[in-house]
Amino acid sequence: MVDLVANTLWIFIGINISLFVFNLIPIPPLDGSKVMFSLMNPRTVWRIRPTLEQYGFIVLLIVAVVPIGDTSLLGRIVGP
């Protein structure tokens, strides 16, 4: 019983860390873009932000679905 609880907690911790790292990708639907924009020069942000916000979701889908090596990024997160 204790092993089952410990394994379940480790699975939840692994999923939580994976989602944390995924959320830090600097593409505008995710929170990593807000961190990136806060660290950049405001003039550069003003120039780049509209384009990234317009095409960010498409870039995110491409990054998540297109295979890099053996599996896609989404497959690496969901698969294990």
N, C-alpha and C. Protein backbone atom coordinates (compact mmCIF):
# COMPACT_ATOMS: atom_id res chain seq x y z
N MET A 1 0.82 -1.21 0.00
CA MET A 1 0.00 0.00 0.00
C MET A 1 0.86 1.27 0.00
N VAL A 2 1.93 1.22 0.80
CA VAL A 2 2.81 2.38 0.88
C VAL A 2 3.52 2.59 -0.45
N ASP A 3 3.92 1.49 -1.10
CA ASP A 3 4.58 1.60 -2.40
C ASP A 3 3.65 2.21 -3.46
N LEU A 4 2.39 1.85 -3.41
CA LEU A 4 1.42 2.39 -4.36
C LEU A 4 1.27 3.90 -4.17
N VAL A 5 1.18 4.34 -2.93
CA VAL A 5 1.05 5.77 -2.64
C VAL A 5 2.32 6.51 -3.06
N ALA A 6 3.47 5.94 -2.75
CA ALA A 6 4.75 6.58 -3.10
C ALA A 6 4.90 6.67 -4.62
N ASN A 7 4.58 5.60 -5.33
CA ASN A 7 4.67 5.63 -6.79
C ASN A 7 3.71 6.64 -7.40
N THR A 8 2.50 6.70 -6.87
CA THR A 8 1.52 7.67 -7.37
C THR A 8 1.99 9.10 -7.13
N LEU A 9 2.55 9.37 -5.97
CA LEU A 9 3.08 10.71 -5.69
C LEU A 9 4.22 11.06 -6.63
N TRP A 10 5.12 10.11 -6.91
CA TRP A 10 6.22 10.37 -7.83
C TRP A 10 5.71 10.63 -9.25
N ILE A 11 4.67 9.94 -9.66
CA ILE A 11 4.08 10.19 -10.98
C ILE A 11 3.49 11.60 -11.03
N PHE A 12 2.77 12.00 -9.98
CA PHE A 12 2.20 13.35 -9.93
C PHE A 12 3.30 14.41 -9.94
N ILE A 13 4.37 14.16 -9.21
CA ILE A 13 5.49 15.11 -9.18
C ILE A 13 6.13 15.21 -10.57
N GLY A 14 6.32 14.09 -11.23
CA GLY A 14 6.90 14.10 -12.57
C GLY A 14 6.04 14.84 -13.58
N ILE A 15 4.73 14.62 -13.52
CA ILE A 15 3.81 15.33 -14.42
C ILE A 15 3.85 16.82 -14.13
N ASN A 16 3.86 17.20 -12.86
CA ASN A 16 3.87 18.60 -12.48
C ASN A 16 5.14 19.30 -12.96
N ILE A 17 6.28 18.66 -12.81
CA ILE A 17 7.54 19.25 -13.27
C ILE A 17 7.56 19.35 -14.79
N SER A 18 7.05 18.34 -15.48
CA SER A 18 7.00 18.38 -16.94
C SER A 18 6.12 19.54 -17.43
N LEU A 19 4.98 19.72 -16.80
CA LEU A 19 4.11 20.83 -17.19
C LEU A 19 4.73 22.18 -16.85
N PHE A 20 5.47 22.25 -15.76
CA PHE A 20 6.16 23.48 -15.40
C PHE A 20 7.18 23.86 -16.46
N VAL A 21 7.98 22.89 -16.88
CA VAL A 21 9.00 23.16 -17.91
C VAL A 21 8.34 23.50 -19.24
N PHE A 22 7.29 22.77 -19.60
CA PHE A 22 6.59 23.05 -20.85
C PHE A 22 6.00 24.46 -20.85
N ASN A 23 5.47 24.89 -19.71
CA ASN A 23 4.86 26.20 -19.61
C ASN A 23 5.88 27.32 -19.72
N LEU A 24 7.15 27.05 -19.50
CA LEU A 24 8.19 28.07 -19.60
C LEU A 24 8.75 28.24 -21.01
N ILE A 25 8.22 27.52 -21.99
CA ILE A 25 8.62 27.74 -23.38
C ILE A 25 8.17 29.16 -23.77
N PRO A 26 9.08 29.97 -24.31
CA PRO A 26 8.75 31.38 -24.58
C PRO A 26 7.92 31.60 -25.84
N ILE A 27 6.73 31.02 -25.88
CA ILE A 27 5.79 31.23 -26.97
C ILE A 27 4.54 31.84 -26.34
N PRO A 28 3.97 32.91 -26.90
CA PRO A 28 2.93 33.69 -26.24
C PRO A 28 1.73 33.01 -25.60
N PRO A 29 1.21 31.90 -26.03
CA PRO A 29 0.12 31.36 -25.22
C PRO A 29 0.59 30.86 -23.85
N LEU A 30 1.89 30.65 -23.71
CA LEU A 30 2.43 30.12 -22.46
C LEU A 30 3.04 31.25 -21.62
N ASP A 31 3.29 30.96 -20.34
CA ASP A 31 3.80 31.97 -19.43
C ASP A 31 5.27 32.31 -19.67
N GLY A 32 5.99 31.46 -20.36
CA GLY A 32 7.39 31.75 -20.65
C GLY A 32 7.56 33.00 -21.49
N SER A 33 6.57 33.32 -22.30
CA SER A 33 6.66 34.54 -23.11
C SER A 33 6.59 35.78 -22.23
N LYS A 34 5.80 35.74 -21.18
CA LYS A 34 5.71 36.88 -20.26
C LYS A 34 7.03 37.11 -19.55
N VAL A 35 7.70 36.02 -19.17
CA VAL A 35 9.01 36.14 -18.55
C VAL A 35 10.01 36.69 -19.56
N MET A 36 9.98 36.18 -20.79
CA MET A 36 10.89 36.65 -21.83
C MET A 36 10.67 38.13 -22.12
N PHE A 37 9.41 38.54 -22.25
CA PHE A 37 9.12 39.94 -22.56
C PHE A 37 9.53 40.87 -21.41
N SER A 38 9.44 40.41 -20.18
CA SER A 38 9.83 41.26 -19.06
C SER A 38 11.34 41.44 -18.98
N LEU A 39 12.10 40.53 -19.55
CA LEU A 39 13.56 40.63 -19.53
C LEU A 39 14.13 41.34 -20.75
N MET A 40 13.29 41.60 -21.76
CA MET A 40 13.76 42.22 -23.01
C MET A 40 13.61 43.74 -22.96
N ASN A 41 14.28 44.38 -23.89
CA ASN A 41 14.17 45.82 -24.08
C ASN A 41 12.75 46.14 -24.55
N PRO A 42 12.07 47.15 -23.97
CA PRO A 42 10.69 47.47 -24.36
C PRO A 42 10.52 47.77 -25.86
N ARG A 43 11.53 48.35 -26.48
CA ARG A 43 11.44 48.66 -27.90
C ARG A 43 11.42 47.36 -28.73
N THR A 44 12.22 46.40 -28.32
CA THR A 44 12.25 45.11 -29.00
C THR A 44 10.95 44.35 -28.78
N VAL A 45 10.44 44.42 -27.56
CA VAL A 45 9.16 43.76 -27.26
C VAL A 45 8.05 44.35 -28.12
N TRP A 46 8.04 45.66 -28.26
CA TRP A 46 7.01 46.32 -29.07
C TRP A 46 7.06 45.86 -30.52
N ARG A 47 8.28 45.56 -31.01
CA ARG A 47 8.45 45.11 -32.39
C ARG A 47 8.10 43.63 -32.58
N ILE A 48 8.47 42.80 -31.63
CA ILE A 48 8.36 41.35 -31.79
C ILE A 48 7.02 40.80 -31.30
N ARG A 49 6.46 41.37 -30.24
CA ARG A 49 5.28 40.81 -29.58
C ARG A 49 4.08 40.58 -30.51
N PRO A 50 3.69 41.53 -31.37
CA PRO A 50 2.50 41.27 -32.21
C PRO A 50 2.66 40.06 -33.12
N THR A 51 3.85 39.88 -33.69
CA THR A 51 4.07 38.73 -34.56
C THR A 51 4.03 37.43 -33.78
N LEU A 52 4.68 37.41 -32.62
CA LEU A 52 4.67 36.19 -31.82
C LEU A 52 3.28 35.86 -31.30
N GLU A 53 2.50 36.88 -30.94
CA GLU A 53 1.14 36.62 -30.47
C GLU A 53 0.25 36.13 -31.60
N GLN A 54 0.50 36.61 -32.82
CA GLN A 54 -0.32 36.21 -33.95
C GLN A 54 -0.04 34.76 -34.35
N TYR A 55 1.24 34.38 -34.39
CA TYR A 55 1.61 33.05 -34.87
C TYR A 55 2.08 32.11 -33.77
N GLY A 56 2.02 32.54 -32.52
CA GLY A 56 2.53 31.73 -31.41
C GLY A 56 1.85 30.40 -31.25
N PHE A 57 0.54 30.36 -31.38
CA PHE A 57 -0.18 29.11 -31.20
C PHE A 57 0.18 28.11 -32.29
N ILE A 58 0.35 28.59 -33.52
CA ILE A 58 0.75 27.71 -34.62
C ILE A 58 2.15 27.16 -34.38
N VAL A 59 3.07 28.02 -33.92
CA VAL A 59 4.43 27.57 -33.61
C VAL A 59 4.40 26.55 -32.48
N LEU A 60 3.56 26.79 -31.49
CA LEU A 60 3.44 25.85 -30.37
C LEU A 60 2.94 24.49 -30.83
N LEU A 61 1.94 24.49 -31.72
CA LEU A 61 1.45 23.21 -32.25
C LEU A 61 2.52 22.49 -33.05
N ILE A 62 3.28 23.22 -33.85
CA ILE A 62 4.34 22.60 -34.64
C ILE A 62 5.41 22.02 -33.72
N VAL A 63 5.82 22.76 -32.70
CA VAL A 63 6.84 22.28 -31.77
C VAL A 63 6.34 21.05 -31.01
N ALA A 64 5.06 21.04 -30.65
CA ALA A 64 4.52 19.93 -29.87
C ALA A 64 4.31 18.67 -30.71
N VAL A 65 4.02 18.81 -31.99
CA VAL A 65 3.62 17.66 -32.80
C VAL A 65 4.75 17.12 -33.67
N VAL A 66 5.59 17.98 -34.23
CA VAL A 66 6.65 17.53 -35.14
C VAL A 66 7.70 16.75 -34.34
N PRO A 67 8.07 15.56 -34.80
CA PRO A 67 9.04 14.76 -34.05
C PRO A 67 10.43 15.38 -34.04
N ILE A 68 11.03 15.37 -32.87
CA ILE A 68 12.42 15.79 -32.70
C ILE A 68 13.15 14.55 -32.21
N GLY A 69 13.95 13.96 -33.04
CA GLY A 69 14.58 12.69 -32.67
C GLY A 69 13.58 11.56 -32.81
N ASP A 70 13.37 10.82 -31.74
CA ASP A 70 12.48 9.66 -31.77
C ASP A 70 11.01 10.04 -31.63
N THR A 71 10.70 11.00 -30.74
CA THR A 71 9.31 11.37 -30.49
C THR A 71 9.16 12.88 -30.50
N SER A 72 7.92 13.31 -30.52
CA SER A 72 7.65 14.75 -30.47
C SER A 72 7.74 15.23 -29.03
N LEU A 73 7.75 16.54 -28.84
CA LEU A 73 7.79 17.13 -27.51
C LEU A 73 6.57 16.71 -26.70
N LEU A 74 5.43 16.75 -27.34
CA LEU A 74 4.19 16.33 -26.65
C LEU A 74 4.25 14.84 -26.31
N GLY A 75 4.82 14.04 -27.17
CA GLY A 75 4.98 12.63 -26.89
C GLY A 75 5.92 12.35 -25.74
N ARG A 76 6.94 13.18 -25.61
CA ARG A 76 7.88 13.02 -24.48
C ARG A 76 7.23 13.39 -23.17
N ILE A 77 6.33 14.35 -23.19
CA ILE A 77 5.67 14.76 -21.95
C ILE A 77 4.57 13.79 -21.57
N VAL A 78 3.74 13.42 -22.53
CA VAL A 78 2.59 12.57 -22.24
C VAL A 78 2.97 11.10 -22.18
N GLY A 79 3.94 10.68 -23.00
CA GLY A 79 4.29 9.27 -23.11
C GLY A 79 4.73 8.61 -21.81
N PRO A 80 5.69 9.18 -21.08
CA PRO A 80 6.14 8.51 -19.85
C PRO A 80 5.04 8.50 -18.82
